[in-house]
Structures are given as structure tokens and as C-alpha cells.
């Protein structure tokens, strides 16, 4: 009887060690970065209405993080599809405007009104977040799962069907 108790205790300790050092360590050591599977870098920006928003506020939700400008023809082309996607899905859309590239904040307000945008538009006043995310062309979109991990990066405009298809692949 004592032998079985010792064997069970040793097997349980070995199982715990494997879990603690291998499985648990892998899940806790997710790197923050810009590649697929990395945790998306957190940031704080203000909306057009002055509300402070952090990317981390949306952990537990899927996020479409879009970098754009009002002067960008492909950005203008994808906005109606992005608005439709916002209305018909449970995905959070954060549209980060490159404010330094705009004539004024009024041009962003005019754009939002013209396109009937109802999702959050964030203002990157000094392009700090654009730099953090390595944005080189507009639009660029990061698709982030409910755990905060980047699942895809799209350079160029997305249409409604692409948005639906990519988010259907996520948790």
C-alpha cells in the first residue's frame, strides 16, 4: 500500500512539474510585438470626443485596429465596409488617424460625419503609435483576437467579406 502511495505521489509531482515548467510557462511568455501570435503593443489615445482609450481596455474582445488618414483614397474606399462590419458584428473597431498628416482635426470630424462613422476614431497626434506599430502605408490593419494576440496584418484596404472571413477564423 505504501508503495502505491509513493508511486502516485511521484507521478503527480512529475506531472505538476511538466505543467508548471512547460505548458504554463509557454502560455505566460507570449511576446509583445508585431508578428502573428504576439501580444499587440498596448497604447493610449484620445477619441475625437476627448475620451482616453487603451487597447488593453478591450481584452476579451476581438479588435480591428486600423491606421488611416482622411486624405488616403484606399482608406476612404474601405470606410463604408468598415462601418457595415461595425454595425453587423461583435468586433471592436479602433480607427487610428494619423493626425500629423491632416490639415486639421476638423477634417477628421468632417470625414466621420460624411461617412457616418460610429466606431471609435482615435487621434495619434504625434504619430507615436504609428511608429510603435511600424506603419509605413495607409491603410494598415491589425486583427487582434480576444486574448490580445495579433492574428493577421493587412496592408491596403479590406472589404467587408475579407473582414468577416478573417474574424470568423478567430476566437
N, C-alpha and C. Protein backbone atom coordinates (compact mmCIF):
# COMPACT_ATOMS: atom_id res chain seq x y z
N UNK A 1 0.82 -1.20 0.00
CA UNK A 1 0.00 0.00 0.00
C UNK A 1 0.86 1.26 0.00
N UNK A 2 1.92 1.27 0.87
CA UNK A 2 2.80 2.43 0.93
C UNK A 2 3.47 2.68 -0.42
N UNK A 3 3.82 1.58 -1.09
CA UNK A 3 4.48 1.69 -2.38
C UNK A 3 3.57 2.41 -3.38
N UNK A 4 2.30 2.08 -3.42
CA UNK A 4 1.37 2.72 -4.36
C UNK A 4 1.19 4.21 -4.05
N UNK A 5 1.14 4.54 -2.81
CA UNK A 5 1.01 5.94 -2.41
C UNK A 5 2.24 6.73 -2.87
N UNK A 6 3.42 6.16 -2.69
CA UNK A 6 4.65 6.82 -3.11
C UNK A 6 4.69 6.97 -4.63
N UNK A 7 4.30 5.92 -5.35
CA UNK A 7 4.29 5.97 -6.82
C UNK A 7 3.31 7.04 -7.31
N UNK A 8 2.13 7.09 -6.75
CA UNK A 8 1.13 8.09 -7.13
C UNK A 8 1.64 9.50 -6.83
N UNK A 9 2.28 9.67 -5.68
CA UNK A 9 2.80 10.99 -5.31
C UNK A 9 3.91 11.42 -6.28
N UNK A 10 4.80 10.51 -6.66
CA UNK A 10 5.90 10.82 -7.57
C UNK A 10 5.35 11.17 -8.95
N UNK A 11 4.38 10.38 -9.45
CA UNK A 11 3.77 10.66 -10.76
C UNK A 11 3.05 12.00 -10.73
N UNK A 12 2.35 12.30 -9.67
CA UNK A 12 1.64 13.59 -9.55
C UNK A 12 2.63 14.75 -9.55
N UNK A 13 3.73 14.62 -8.80
CA UNK A 13 4.73 15.68 -8.77
C UNK A 13 5.38 15.86 -10.14
N UNK A 14 5.67 14.77 -10.83
CA UNK A 14 6.26 14.86 -12.17
C UNK A 14 5.29 15.54 -13.13
N UNK A 15 4.03 15.17 -13.06
CA UNK A 15 3.01 15.80 -13.91
C UNK A 15 2.91 17.29 -13.63
N UNK A 16 2.92 17.67 -12.36
CA UNK A 16 2.87 19.08 -12.00
C UNK A 16 4.08 19.83 -12.53
N UNK A 17 5.25 19.22 -12.43
CA UNK A 17 6.48 19.87 -12.90
C UNK A 17 6.42 20.11 -14.40
N UNK A 18 5.95 19.12 -15.16
CA UNK A 18 5.81 19.29 -16.61
C UNK A 18 4.84 20.43 -16.90
N UNK A 19 3.70 20.44 -16.24
CA UNK A 19 2.72 21.51 -16.45
C UNK A 19 3.32 22.86 -16.11
N UNK A 20 3.94 22.96 -14.93
CA UNK A 20 4.45 24.24 -14.44
C UNK A 20 5.58 24.79 -15.31
N UNK A 21 6.49 23.96 -15.75
CA UNK A 21 7.66 24.43 -16.49
C UNK A 21 7.46 24.50 -18.00
N UNK A 22 6.58 23.70 -18.54
CA UNK A 22 6.43 23.65 -20.00
C UNK A 22 5.14 24.33 -20.44
N UNK A 23 4.02 23.80 -20.04
CA UNK A 23 2.73 24.30 -20.53
C UNK A 23 2.43 25.69 -19.99
N UNK A 24 2.49 25.86 -18.68
CA UNK A 24 2.18 27.15 -18.07
C UNK A 24 3.18 28.23 -18.52
N UNK A 25 4.45 27.90 -18.58
CA UNK A 25 5.47 28.87 -18.99
C UNK A 25 5.23 29.34 -20.41
N UNK A 26 4.87 28.42 -21.33
CA UNK A 26 4.60 28.82 -22.71
C UNK A 26 3.44 29.78 -22.81
N UNK A 27 2.38 29.56 -22.03
CA UNK A 27 1.21 30.43 -22.12
C UNK A 27 1.46 31.80 -21.49
N UNK A 28 2.39 31.88 -20.53
CA UNK A 28 2.65 33.16 -19.86
C UNK A 28 3.73 33.97 -20.57
N UNK A 29 4.50 33.38 -21.42
CA UNK A 29 5.63 34.06 -22.04
C UNK A 29 5.34 34.48 -23.47
N UNK A 30 4.15 34.95 -23.71
CA UNK A 30 3.81 35.44 -25.04
C UNK A 30 4.49 36.79 -25.22
N UNK A 31 5.21 36.92 -26.29
CA UNK A 31 5.99 38.13 -26.56
C UNK A 31 5.09 39.26 -27.07
N UNK A 32 5.37 40.47 -26.63
CA UNK A 32 4.71 41.65 -27.17
C UNK A 32 5.46 42.03 -28.44
N UNK A 33 4.75 42.18 -29.53
CA UNK A 33 5.39 42.51 -30.79
C UNK A 33 4.38 42.69 -31.90
N UNK A 34 4.86 42.69 -33.12
CA UNK A 34 4.01 42.99 -34.27
C UNK A 34 3.81 41.80 -35.20
N UNK A 35 4.29 40.62 -34.80
CA UNK A 35 4.13 39.43 -35.61
C UNK A 35 2.89 38.65 -35.18
N UNK A 36 2.41 37.79 -36.08
CA UNK A 36 1.26 36.95 -35.76
C UNK A 36 1.58 36.12 -34.52
N UNK A 37 0.64 36.10 -33.57
CA UNK A 37 0.82 35.37 -32.32
C UNK A 37 1.38 36.21 -31.20
N UNK A 38 1.96 37.37 -31.51
CA UNK A 38 2.46 38.28 -30.47
C UNK A 38 1.30 39.04 -29.84
N UNK A 39 1.49 39.43 -28.58
CA UNK A 39 0.53 40.35 -27.97
C UNK A 39 0.70 41.71 -28.63
N UNK A 40 -0.41 42.31 -29.01
CA UNK A 40 -0.36 43.63 -29.62
C UNK A 40 0.12 44.65 -28.59
N UNK A 41 1.05 45.52 -28.96
CA UNK A 41 1.52 46.54 -28.01
C UNK A 41 0.36 47.43 -27.54
N UNK A 42 0.32 47.65 -26.25
CA UNK A 42 -0.74 48.49 -25.68
C UNK A 42 -0.41 49.97 -25.90
N UNK A 43 -1.44 50.78 -25.93
CA UNK A 43 -1.26 52.22 -26.10
C UNK A 43 -2.48 52.93 -25.55
N UNK A 44 -2.35 54.22 -25.39
CA UNK A 44 -3.48 55.08 -25.00
C UNK A 44 -3.55 56.25 -25.96
N UNK A 45 -4.74 56.47 -26.52
CA UNK A 45 -5.01 57.63 -27.38
C UNK A 45 -6.36 58.19 -27.01
N UNK A 46 -6.60 59.43 -27.44
CA UNK A 46 -7.90 60.05 -27.22
C UNK A 46 -8.76 59.90 -28.47
N UNK A 47 -10.07 59.77 -28.23
CA UNK A 47 -11.02 59.75 -29.32
C UNK A 47 -11.26 61.18 -29.78
N UNK A 48 -12.03 61.32 -30.85
CA UNK A 48 -12.42 62.66 -31.33
C UNK A 48 -13.15 63.45 -30.25
N UNK A 49 -13.82 62.72 -29.34
CA UNK A 49 -14.57 63.37 -28.26
C UNK A 49 -13.73 63.62 -27.01
N UNK A 50 -12.44 63.26 -27.07
CA UNK A 50 -11.55 63.51 -25.94
C UNK A 50 -11.50 62.39 -24.91
N UNK A 51 -12.16 61.27 -25.16
CA UNK A 51 -12.14 60.14 -24.23
C UNK A 51 -10.83 59.36 -24.41
N UNK A 52 -10.16 59.09 -23.29
CA UNK A 52 -8.92 58.30 -23.33
C UNK A 52 -9.29 56.83 -23.51
N UNK A 53 -8.62 56.18 -24.47
CA UNK A 53 -8.88 54.77 -24.77
C UNK A 53 -7.55 54.03 -24.81
N UNK A 54 -7.49 52.89 -24.14
CA UNK A 54 -6.33 52.00 -24.18
C UNK A 54 -6.71 50.76 -24.97
N UNK A 55 -5.80 50.23 -25.75
CA UNK A 55 -6.07 48.98 -26.45
C UNK A 55 -6.41 47.89 -25.44
N UNK A 56 -5.71 47.87 -24.32
CA UNK A 56 -5.94 46.83 -23.30
C UNK A 56 -7.34 46.89 -22.69
N UNK A 57 -8.06 48.00 -22.88
CA UNK A 57 -9.44 48.09 -22.39
C UNK A 57 -10.33 47.04 -23.05
N UNK A 58 -9.89 46.52 -24.19
CA UNK A 58 -10.73 45.63 -24.98
C UNK A 58 -10.27 44.18 -24.92
N UNK A 59 -9.42 43.85 -23.94
CA UNK A 59 -9.03 42.45 -23.77
C UNK A 59 -10.29 41.64 -23.49
N UNK A 60 -10.40 40.51 -24.14
CA UNK A 60 -11.62 39.70 -24.04
C UNK A 60 -12.54 39.91 -25.23
N UNK A 61 -12.20 40.91 -26.05
CA UNK A 61 -12.97 41.20 -27.26
C UNK A 61 -12.04 41.15 -28.47
N UNK A 62 -12.61 40.86 -29.62
CA UNK A 62 -11.83 40.88 -30.85
C UNK A 62 -11.78 42.33 -31.35
N UNK A 63 -10.61 42.73 -31.86
CA UNK A 63 -10.40 44.13 -32.24
C UNK A 63 -9.85 44.22 -33.66
N UNK A 64 -10.41 45.13 -34.43
CA UNK A 64 -9.86 45.52 -35.72
C UNK A 64 -9.21 46.87 -35.49
N UNK A 65 -7.89 46.91 -35.56
CA UNK A 65 -7.11 48.12 -35.32
C UNK A 65 -6.63 48.63 -36.67
N UNK A 66 -7.19 49.77 -37.10
CA UNK A 66 -6.95 50.29 -38.44
C UNK A 66 -6.23 51.63 -38.36
N UNK A 67 -5.17 51.77 -39.15
CA UNK A 67 -4.41 53.02 -39.25
C UNK A 67 -4.74 53.66 -40.59
N UNK A 68 -5.13 54.94 -40.58
CA UNK A 68 -5.67 55.57 -41.79
C UNK A 68 -5.50 57.08 -41.76
N UNK A 69 -5.89 57.72 -42.85
CA UNK A 69 -5.92 59.18 -42.96
C UNK A 69 -7.08 59.60 -43.87
N UNK A 70 -7.61 60.77 -43.64
CA UNK A 70 -8.76 61.23 -44.43
C UNK A 70 -8.40 61.48 -45.89
N UNK A 71 -7.15 61.78 -46.15
CA UNK A 71 -6.64 62.12 -47.48
C UNK A 71 -6.31 60.88 -48.32
N UNK A 72 -6.41 59.69 -47.73
CA UNK A 72 -5.97 58.43 -48.34
C UNK A 72 -7.12 57.79 -49.13
N UNK A 73 -7.03 57.73 -50.47
CA UNK A 73 -8.12 57.14 -51.27
C UNK A 73 -8.47 55.69 -50.89
N UNK A 74 -7.50 54.79 -50.66
CA UNK A 74 -7.90 53.44 -50.24
C UNK A 74 -8.59 53.42 -48.87
N UNK A 75 -8.20 54.35 -47.99
CA UNK A 75 -8.85 54.45 -46.68
C UNK A 75 -10.31 54.88 -46.85
N UNK A 76 -10.51 55.82 -47.72
CA UNK A 76 -11.87 56.29 -47.99
C UNK A 76 -12.71 55.16 -48.60
N UNK A 77 -12.07 54.34 -49.44
CA UNK A 77 -12.80 53.25 -50.09
C UNK A 77 -13.22 52.17 -49.10
N UNK A 78 -12.41 51.91 -48.07
CA UNK A 78 -12.75 50.83 -47.14
C UNK A 78 -13.69 51.27 -46.00
N UNK A 79 -13.84 52.57 -45.79
CA UNK A 79 -14.64 53.05 -44.67
C UNK A 79 -16.09 52.58 -44.69
N UNK A 80 -16.80 52.62 -45.81
CA UNK A 80 -18.18 52.12 -45.78
C UNK A 80 -18.27 50.64 -45.39
N UNK A 81 -17.33 49.82 -45.86
CA UNK A 81 -17.32 48.41 -45.48
C UNK A 81 -16.98 48.24 -44.00
N UNK A 82 -16.08 49.07 -43.50
CA UNK A 82 -15.73 49.00 -42.08
C UNK A 82 -16.92 49.40 -41.22
N UNK A 83 -17.66 50.42 -41.64
CA UNK A 83 -18.86 50.83 -40.91
C UNK A 83 -19.90 49.71 -40.92
N UNK A 84 -20.11 49.09 -42.06
CA UNK A 84 -21.06 47.97 -42.16
C UNK A 84 -20.62 46.84 -41.24
N UNK A 85 -19.34 46.52 -41.23
CA UNK A 85 -18.80 45.47 -40.38
C UNK A 85 -19.03 45.81 -38.91
N UNK A 86 -18.84 47.05 -38.56
CA UNK A 86 -19.08 47.52 -37.19
C UNK A 86 -20.54 47.30 -36.79
N UNK A 87 -21.44 47.62 -37.69
CA UNK A 87 -22.87 47.50 -37.40
C UNK A 87 -23.33 46.06 -37.32
N UNK A 88 -22.67 45.15 -38.03
CA UNK A 88 -23.17 43.79 -38.16
C UNK A 88 -22.33 42.74 -37.42
N UNK A 89 -21.35 43.16 -36.65
CA UNK A 89 -20.51 42.18 -35.95
C UNK A 89 -20.31 42.59 -34.50
N UNK A 90 -19.70 41.70 -33.75
CA UNK A 90 -19.37 42.00 -32.35
C UNK A 90 -17.89 42.33 -32.19
N UNK A 91 -17.29 42.86 -33.23
CA UNK A 91 -15.88 43.22 -33.22
C UNK A 91 -15.73 44.70 -32.89
N UNK A 92 -14.77 45.02 -32.03
CA UNK A 92 -14.46 46.41 -31.70
C UNK A 92 -13.59 46.97 -32.82
N UNK A 93 -13.94 48.13 -33.34
CA UNK A 93 -13.11 48.78 -34.34
C UNK A 93 -12.50 50.03 -33.72
N UNK A 94 -11.17 50.10 -33.81
CA UNK A 94 -10.43 51.27 -33.38
C UNK A 94 -9.71 51.80 -34.61
N UNK A 95 -10.11 52.96 -35.07
CA UNK A 95 -9.52 53.57 -36.27
C UNK A 95 -8.59 54.69 -35.83
N UNK A 96 -7.30 54.47 -36.01
CA UNK A 96 -6.28 55.43 -35.56
C UNK A 96 -5.93 56.36 -36.71
N UNK A 97 -6.30 57.62 -36.55
CA UNK A 97 -5.99 58.62 -37.57
C UNK A 97 -4.61 59.22 -37.32
N UNK A 98 -3.86 59.35 -38.41
CA UNK A 98 -2.54 59.96 -38.36
C UNK A 98 -2.71 61.48 -38.39
N UNK A 99 -3.00 62.07 -37.24
CA UNK A 99 -3.39 63.48 -37.17
C UNK A 99 -2.32 64.42 -37.71
N UNK A 100 -1.06 64.08 -37.58
CA UNK A 100 0.01 64.95 -38.10
C UNK A 100 -0.08 65.11 -39.62
N UNK A 101 -0.73 64.17 -40.29
CA UNK A 101 -0.83 64.21 -41.75
C UNK A 101 -2.07 64.96 -42.22
N UNK A 102 -2.91 65.37 -41.30
CA UNK A 102 -4.18 66.03 -41.63
C UNK A 102 -4.00 67.56 -41.65
N UNK A 103 -4.88 68.23 -42.38
CA UNK A 103 -4.88 69.70 -42.37
C UNK A 103 -5.25 70.22 -41.00
N UNK A 104 -6.25 69.56 -40.39
CA UNK A 104 -6.70 69.93 -39.05
C UNK A 104 -7.57 68.81 -38.49
N UNK A 105 -7.85 68.89 -37.21
CA UNK A 105 -8.75 67.92 -36.59
C UNK A 105 -10.16 68.07 -37.18
N UNK A 106 -10.48 69.26 -37.68
CA UNK A 106 -11.80 69.47 -38.30
C UNK A 106 -11.98 68.58 -39.54
N UNK A 107 -10.90 68.32 -40.27
CA UNK A 107 -11.03 67.46 -41.44
C UNK A 107 -11.38 66.02 -41.03
N UNK A 108 -10.93 65.60 -39.86
CA UNK A 108 -11.28 64.27 -39.35
C UNK A 108 -12.76 64.26 -38.95
N UNK A 109 -13.20 65.31 -38.25
CA UNK A 109 -14.62 65.42 -37.89
C UNK A 109 -15.49 65.41 -39.15
N UNK A 110 -15.10 66.16 -40.17
CA UNK A 110 -15.86 66.21 -41.42
C UNK A 110 -15.93 64.84 -42.08
N UNK A 111 -14.82 64.12 -42.08
CA UNK A 111 -14.76 62.78 -42.66
C UNK A 111 -15.72 61.84 -41.93
N UNK A 112 -15.67 61.85 -40.61
CA UNK A 112 -16.52 60.99 -39.79
C UNK A 112 -17.99 61.27 -40.07
N UNK A 113 -18.32 62.55 -40.19
CA UNK A 113 -19.71 62.93 -40.50
C UNK A 113 -20.10 62.49 -41.91
N UNK A 114 -19.22 62.74 -42.88
CA UNK A 114 -19.50 62.40 -44.27
C UNK A 114 -19.76 60.90 -44.45
N UNK A 115 -18.98 60.05 -43.76
CA UNK A 115 -19.09 58.61 -43.92
C UNK A 115 -20.00 57.95 -42.88
N UNK A 116 -20.55 58.74 -41.97
CA UNK A 116 -21.44 58.19 -40.95
C UNK A 116 -20.75 57.19 -40.03
N UNK A 117 -19.50 57.45 -39.71
CA UNK A 117 -18.70 56.56 -38.87
C UNK A 117 -19.20 56.62 -37.43
N UNK A 118 -19.49 55.44 -36.87
CA UNK A 118 -19.97 55.39 -35.48
C UNK A 118 -19.02 54.60 -34.57
N UNK A 119 -17.95 54.03 -35.12
CA UNK A 119 -16.97 53.35 -34.27
C UNK A 119 -15.96 54.37 -33.77
N UNK A 120 -15.10 53.94 -32.85
CA UNK A 120 -14.14 54.85 -32.22
C UNK A 120 -13.05 55.28 -33.21
N UNK A 121 -12.89 56.58 -33.33
CA UNK A 121 -11.80 57.16 -34.11
C UNK A 121 -10.83 57.77 -33.11
N UNK A 122 -9.59 57.28 -33.13
CA UNK A 122 -8.56 57.72 -32.20
C UNK A 122 -7.58 58.63 -32.92
N UNK A 123 -7.08 59.62 -32.21
CA UNK A 123 -6.17 60.60 -32.80
C UNK A 123 -4.74 60.37 -32.32
N UNK A 124 -3.87 60.01 -33.26
CA UNK A 124 -2.45 59.85 -32.96
C UNK A 124 -1.78 61.16 -33.34
N UNK A 125 -1.78 62.10 -32.40
CA UNK A 125 -1.36 63.47 -32.68
C UNK A 125 0.09 63.60 -33.10
N UNK A 126 0.97 62.79 -32.54
CA UNK A 126 2.40 62.92 -32.84
C UNK A 126 2.96 61.67 -33.52
N UNK A 127 2.09 60.84 -34.04
CA UNK A 127 2.47 59.61 -34.76
C UNK A 127 3.27 58.63 -33.90
N UNK A 128 3.14 58.72 -32.59
CA UNK A 128 3.85 57.79 -31.71
C UNK A 128 3.38 56.35 -31.88
N UNK A 129 2.08 56.17 -32.02
CA UNK A 129 1.53 54.82 -32.15
C UNK A 129 1.81 54.27 -33.55
N UNK A 130 1.74 55.14 -34.56
CA UNK A 130 2.10 54.71 -35.91
C UNK A 130 3.53 54.19 -35.92
N UNK A 131 4.43 54.89 -35.24
CA UNK A 131 5.83 54.47 -35.15
C UNK A 131 5.94 53.15 -34.38
N UNK A 132 5.24 53.05 -33.26
CA UNK A 132 5.26 51.84 -32.44
C UNK A 132 4.84 50.62 -33.25
N UNK A 133 3.84 50.81 -34.13
CA UNK A 133 3.31 49.71 -34.93
C UNK A 133 4.00 49.58 -36.30
N UNK A 134 5.01 50.40 -36.55
CA UNK A 134 5.77 50.29 -37.78
C UNK A 134 4.96 50.57 -39.04
N UNK A 135 4.01 51.50 -38.96
CA UNK A 135 3.13 51.80 -40.09
C UNK A 135 3.91 52.56 -41.15
N UNK A 136 3.90 52.02 -42.36
CA UNK A 136 4.61 52.65 -43.47
C UNK A 136 3.67 53.05 -44.60
N UNK A 137 2.46 52.48 -44.61
CA UNK A 137 1.50 52.86 -45.65
C UNK A 137 0.09 52.76 -45.07
N UNK A 138 -0.80 53.48 -45.72
CA UNK A 138 -2.20 53.52 -45.28
C UNK A 138 -3.10 52.91 -46.33
N UNK A 139 -4.15 52.24 -45.93
CA UNK A 139 -4.43 51.79 -44.57
C UNK A 139 -3.62 50.54 -44.23
N UNK A 140 -3.39 50.37 -42.95
CA UNK A 140 -2.82 49.14 -42.42
C UNK A 140 -3.70 48.71 -41.26
N UNK A 141 -4.03 47.43 -41.23
CA UNK A 141 -4.98 46.93 -40.25
C UNK A 141 -4.41 45.71 -39.53
N UNK A 142 -4.53 45.71 -38.21
CA UNK A 142 -4.17 44.57 -37.38
C UNK A 142 -5.45 43.94 -36.87
N UNK A 143 -5.55 42.62 -36.99
CA UNK A 143 -6.70 41.88 -36.49
C UNK A 143 -6.25 41.17 -35.22
N UNK A 144 -6.88 41.51 -34.11
CA UNK A 144 -6.43 41.09 -32.78
C UNK A 144 -7.51 40.23 -32.14
N UNK A 145 -7.11 39.07 -31.62
CA UNK A 145 -8.09 38.16 -31.02
C UNK A 145 -8.44 38.58 -29.59
N UNK A 146 -9.33 37.82 -28.97
CA UNK A 146 -9.83 38.18 -27.64
C UNK A 146 -8.77 38.06 -26.54
N UNK A 147 -7.66 37.40 -26.83
CA UNK A 147 -6.56 37.32 -25.87
C UNK A 147 -5.55 38.45 -26.07
N UNK A 148 -5.80 39.32 -27.05
CA UNK A 148 -4.89 40.43 -27.32
C UNK A 148 -3.76 40.08 -28.27
N UNK A 149 -3.85 38.91 -28.90
CA UNK A 149 -2.79 38.48 -29.83
C UNK A 149 -3.13 38.86 -31.26
N UNK A 150 -2.11 39.28 -31.98
CA UNK A 150 -2.27 39.62 -33.40
C UNK A 150 -2.47 38.33 -34.18
N UNK A 151 -3.55 38.30 -34.96
CA UNK A 151 -3.84 37.13 -35.78
C UNK A 151 -3.60 37.39 -37.26
N UNK A 152 -3.57 38.66 -37.65
CA UNK A 152 -3.32 38.98 -39.05
C UNK A 152 -2.97 40.46 -39.14
N UNK A 153 -2.24 40.79 -40.19
CA UNK A 153 -1.92 42.17 -40.51
C UNK A 153 -2.20 42.34 -41.99
N UNK A 154 -2.98 43.35 -42.32
CA UNK A 154 -3.33 43.61 -43.72
C UNK A 154 -2.82 45.00 -44.10
N UNK A 155 -2.04 45.04 -45.17
CA UNK A 155 -1.59 46.32 -45.71
C UNK A 155 -2.43 46.58 -46.95
N UNK A 156 -3.11 47.72 -46.94
CA UNK A 156 -4.05 48.03 -48.02
C UNK A 156 -5.47 47.86 -47.53
N UNK A 157 -6.42 48.28 -48.35
CA UNK A 157 -7.82 48.26 -47.91
C UNK A 157 -8.38 46.84 -47.81
N UNK A 158 -9.28 46.65 -46.85
CA UNK A 158 -10.03 45.41 -46.70
C UNK A 158 -11.47 45.68 -47.11
N UNK A 159 -12.11 44.69 -47.72
CA UNK A 159 -13.54 44.84 -47.98
C UNK A 159 -14.31 44.06 -46.91
N UNK A 160 -15.61 44.24 -46.92
CA UNK A 160 -16.46 43.64 -45.89
C UNK A 160 -16.26 42.12 -45.81
N UNK A 161 -16.26 41.46 -46.95
CA UNK A 161 -16.13 40.00 -46.98
C UNK A 161 -14.80 39.54 -46.36
N UNK A 162 -13.72 40.26 -46.63
CA UNK A 162 -12.43 39.91 -46.04
C UNK A 162 -12.46 40.07 -44.53
N UNK A 163 -13.10 41.14 -44.04
CA UNK A 163 -13.20 41.35 -42.60
C UNK A 163 -13.95 40.20 -41.95
N UNK A 164 -15.09 39.85 -42.51
CA UNK A 164 -15.90 38.75 -41.97
C UNK A 164 -15.10 37.46 -41.98
N UNK A 165 -14.48 37.16 -43.10
CA UNK A 165 -13.73 35.92 -43.26
C UNK A 165 -12.59 35.82 -42.24
N UNK A 166 -11.83 36.88 -42.07
CA UNK A 166 -10.70 36.84 -41.14
C UNK A 166 -11.15 36.72 -39.69
N UNK A 167 -12.19 37.42 -39.31
CA UNK A 167 -12.64 37.35 -37.91
C UNK A 167 -13.36 36.05 -37.61
N UNK A 168 -13.94 35.40 -38.63
CA UNK A 168 -14.55 34.10 -38.42
C UNK A 168 -13.50 33.05 -38.04
N UNK A 169 -12.25 33.27 -38.40
CA UNK A 169 -11.17 32.34 -38.07
C UNK A 169 -10.72 32.46 -36.61
N UNK A 170 -11.10 33.56 -35.95
CA UNK A 170 -10.62 33.85 -34.60
C UNK A 170 -11.57 33.35 -33.53
N UNK A 171 -11.04 33.35 -32.30
CA UNK A 171 -11.83 33.02 -31.12
C UNK A 171 -12.80 34.15 -30.85
